[in-house]
N, C-alpha and C. Protein backbone atom coordinates (compact mmCIF):
# COMPACT_ATOMS: atom_id res chain seq x y z
N MET A 1 139.72 64.78 57.69
CA MET A 1 139.26 65.28 58.98
C MET A 1 137.79 65.67 58.90
N ILE A 2 137.13 65.49 60.01
CA ILE A 2 135.71 65.81 60.08
C ILE A 2 135.55 67.28 60.45
N MET A 3 134.56 67.91 59.86
CA MET A 3 134.30 69.33 60.11
C MET A 3 133.31 69.49 61.25
N GLU A 4 133.77 69.32 62.48
CA GLU A 4 132.90 69.48 63.63
C GLU A 4 133.01 70.92 64.15
N PRO A 5 132.02 71.39 64.90
CA PRO A 5 132.09 72.74 65.46
C PRO A 5 133.33 72.93 66.31
N GLY A 6 134.00 74.06 66.11
CA GLY A 6 135.23 74.36 66.84
C GLY A 6 136.49 74.10 66.04
N ARG A 7 136.38 73.40 64.91
CA ARG A 7 137.54 73.11 64.07
C ARG A 7 138.06 74.39 63.42
N VAL A 8 139.33 74.66 63.55
CA VAL A 8 139.95 75.82 62.92
C VAL A 8 140.36 75.41 61.51
N CYS A 9 140.02 76.23 60.53
CA CYS A 9 140.30 75.94 59.13
C CYS A 9 140.90 77.17 58.45
N VAL A 10 141.45 76.95 57.26
CA VAL A 10 141.92 78.03 56.40
C VAL A 10 141.07 77.99 55.14
N LYS A 11 140.52 79.14 54.76
CA LYS A 11 139.71 79.20 53.53
C LYS A 11 140.61 79.10 52.31
N LEU A 12 140.20 78.33 51.34
CA LEU A 12 140.98 78.11 50.12
C LEU A 12 140.45 78.87 48.92
N ALA A 13 139.19 79.28 48.94
CA ALA A 13 138.58 79.89 47.77
C ALA A 13 137.85 81.17 48.15
N GLY A 14 137.65 82.01 47.16
CA GLY A 14 136.89 83.24 47.36
C GLY A 14 137.75 84.39 47.82
N ARG A 15 137.10 85.51 48.12
CA ARG A 15 137.85 86.71 48.51
C ARG A 15 138.47 86.58 49.88
N GLU A 16 138.03 85.60 50.67
CA GLU A 16 138.58 85.39 52.00
C GLU A 16 139.64 84.28 52.02
N ALA A 17 140.12 83.89 50.85
CA ALA A 17 141.11 82.81 50.73
C ALA A 17 142.36 83.14 51.53
N GLY A 18 142.87 82.14 52.26
CA GLY A 18 144.09 82.30 53.04
C GLY A 18 143.84 82.76 54.46
N LYS A 19 142.59 83.04 54.83
CA LYS A 19 142.29 83.53 56.17
C LYS A 19 141.77 82.39 57.05
N LYS A 20 142.08 82.50 58.35
CA LYS A 20 141.65 81.49 59.30
C LYS A 20 140.20 81.71 59.70
N CYS A 21 139.51 80.62 59.93
CA CYS A 21 138.13 80.68 60.38
C CYS A 21 137.84 79.49 61.28
N VAL A 22 136.70 79.53 61.95
CA VAL A 22 136.27 78.46 62.85
C VAL A 22 134.92 77.95 62.37
N VAL A 23 134.75 76.63 62.37
CA VAL A 23 133.46 76.04 62.04
C VAL A 23 132.54 76.26 63.24
N VAL A 24 131.42 76.96 63.01
CA VAL A 24 130.48 77.26 64.08
C VAL A 24 129.43 76.17 64.18
N GLU A 25 128.92 75.71 63.03
CA GLU A 25 127.92 74.64 63.03
C GLU A 25 127.90 73.98 61.66
N ALA A 26 127.39 72.76 61.62
CA ALA A 26 127.23 72.04 60.36
C ALA A 26 125.87 72.39 59.79
N ALA A 27 125.84 72.87 58.55
CA ALA A 27 124.58 73.24 57.91
C ALA A 27 123.91 72.01 57.29
N ASP A 28 124.67 71.23 56.55
CA ASP A 28 124.20 69.96 56.00
C ASP A 28 125.42 69.13 55.61
N LYS A 29 125.24 68.15 54.75
CA LYS A 29 126.32 67.21 54.41
C LYS A 29 127.55 67.89 53.81
N ASN A 30 127.36 68.90 52.96
CA ASN A 30 128.47 69.53 52.25
C ASN A 30 128.80 70.95 52.70
N PHE A 31 128.00 71.52 53.59
CA PHE A 31 128.19 72.91 53.98
C PHE A 31 128.29 73.06 55.50
N VAL A 32 129.10 74.03 55.92
CA VAL A 32 129.21 74.39 57.33
C VAL A 32 129.09 75.90 57.44
N VAL A 33 128.81 76.39 58.63
CA VAL A 33 128.79 77.83 58.89
C VAL A 33 130.12 78.18 59.54
N VAL A 34 130.83 79.17 58.97
CA VAL A 34 132.15 79.55 59.48
C VAL A 34 132.14 81.01 59.91
N LEU A 35 133.12 81.34 60.76
CA LEU A 35 133.30 82.71 61.24
C LEU A 35 134.77 82.86 61.56
N GLY A 36 135.35 84.01 61.23
CA GLY A 36 136.75 84.21 61.54
C GLY A 36 137.15 85.67 61.42
N GLU A 37 138.42 85.91 61.65
CA GLU A 37 138.95 87.27 61.55
C GLU A 37 139.05 87.61 60.06
N GLY A 38 138.27 88.56 59.62
CA GLY A 38 138.23 88.89 58.20
C GLY A 38 137.30 87.98 57.41
N VAL A 39 136.62 87.08 58.10
CA VAL A 39 135.68 86.16 57.46
C VAL A 39 134.33 86.35 58.13
N ARG A 40 133.33 86.74 57.34
CA ARG A 40 131.99 86.94 57.88
C ARG A 40 131.34 85.60 58.19
N ARG A 41 130.37 85.60 59.11
CA ARG A 41 129.62 84.38 59.41
C ARG A 41 128.78 84.05 58.18
N ARG A 42 129.06 82.89 57.59
CA ARG A 42 128.35 82.49 56.37
C ARG A 42 128.52 81.01 56.13
N ARG A 43 127.68 80.49 55.26
CA ARG A 43 127.80 79.09 54.84
C ARG A 43 129.00 78.96 53.92
N CYS A 44 129.67 77.83 54.02
CA CYS A 44 130.84 77.59 53.19
C CYS A 44 130.88 76.11 52.82
N ASN A 45 131.19 75.83 51.58
CA ASN A 45 131.35 74.46 51.13
C ASN A 45 132.60 73.87 51.79
N ILE A 46 132.51 72.64 52.28
CA ILE A 46 133.65 72.05 52.98
C ILE A 46 134.84 71.79 52.06
N THR A 47 134.60 71.75 50.75
CA THR A 47 135.72 71.57 49.82
C THR A 47 136.55 72.84 49.69
N HIS A 48 136.02 73.97 50.17
CA HIS A 48 136.75 75.25 50.13
C HIS A 48 137.50 75.53 51.42
N LEU A 49 137.57 74.53 52.31
CA LEU A 49 138.23 74.70 53.60
C LEU A 49 139.36 73.69 53.76
N GLU A 50 140.47 74.14 54.35
CA GLU A 50 141.59 73.26 54.70
C GLU A 50 141.61 73.15 56.23
N PRO A 51 141.20 72.01 56.79
CA PRO A 51 141.17 71.90 58.25
C PRO A 51 142.57 71.85 58.84
N THR A 52 142.74 72.43 60.02
CA THR A 52 143.99 72.33 60.76
C THR A 52 143.77 71.36 61.91
N SER A 53 144.80 71.10 62.67
CA SER A 53 144.68 70.17 63.79
C SER A 53 144.10 70.84 65.03
N GLU A 54 143.93 72.16 64.99
CA GLU A 54 143.41 72.90 66.15
C GLU A 54 141.90 72.75 66.27
N ILE A 55 141.43 72.59 67.51
CA ILE A 55 140.00 72.57 67.80
C ILE A 55 139.76 73.47 69.00
N LEU A 56 138.81 74.40 68.85
CA LEU A 56 138.45 75.31 69.94
C LEU A 56 137.23 74.77 70.66
N LYS A 57 137.17 75.00 71.97
CA LYS A 57 135.99 74.63 72.76
C LYS A 57 134.99 75.76 72.63
N LEU A 58 133.86 75.51 71.97
CA LEU A 58 132.83 76.52 71.77
C LEU A 58 131.61 76.18 72.60
N LYS A 59 131.04 77.21 73.25
CA LYS A 59 129.77 77.03 73.95
C LYS A 59 128.64 77.19 72.95
N LYS A 60 127.52 76.57 73.22
CA LYS A 60 126.37 76.68 72.32
C LYS A 60 125.89 78.12 72.15
N SER A 61 125.97 78.91 73.23
CA SER A 61 125.46 80.28 73.18
C SER A 61 126.57 81.30 72.95
N ALA A 62 127.72 80.88 72.42
CA ALA A 62 128.85 81.79 72.23
C ALA A 62 128.51 82.84 71.17
N SER A 63 128.83 84.09 71.47
CA SER A 63 128.59 85.17 70.52
C SER A 63 129.75 85.22 69.51
N ASP A 64 129.56 86.00 68.46
CA ASP A 64 130.61 86.15 67.45
C ASP A 64 131.89 86.70 68.07
N ASN A 65 131.76 87.67 68.98
CA ASN A 65 132.93 88.26 69.63
C ASN A 65 133.68 87.24 70.47
N ASP A 66 132.95 86.37 71.18
CA ASP A 66 133.59 85.33 71.99
C ASP A 66 134.37 84.36 71.11
N ILE A 67 133.82 84.01 69.97
CA ILE A 67 134.49 83.08 69.06
C ILE A 67 135.75 83.72 68.48
N LEU A 68 135.65 84.99 68.10
CA LEU A 68 136.82 85.68 67.54
C LEU A 68 137.93 85.83 68.57
N LYS A 69 137.57 86.06 69.84
CA LYS A 69 138.59 86.16 70.90
C LYS A 69 139.29 84.84 71.11
N SER A 70 138.55 83.73 71.08
CA SER A 70 139.18 82.42 71.28
C SER A 70 140.02 82.01 70.07
N LEU A 71 139.73 82.56 68.90
CA LEU A 71 140.53 82.25 67.71
C LEU A 71 141.92 82.88 67.80
N LYS A 72 142.01 84.05 68.45
CA LYS A 72 143.30 84.73 68.60
C LYS A 72 144.10 83.98 69.60
């Protein structure tokens, strides 16, 4: 699966492992910026993410709070 903005994923590595997050933007070929409940907005290697079939509709100017509300 492609890691496009709005894709809901589960983190596989690190202290946030097992938590849901949303891809906010693509940083480069191997990294994306994620944000989620219990997951801070940060760059993450795509190999550390397990994509789900869910995709959220994100606006370009969406704030962190708006993204977290749509994740619930």
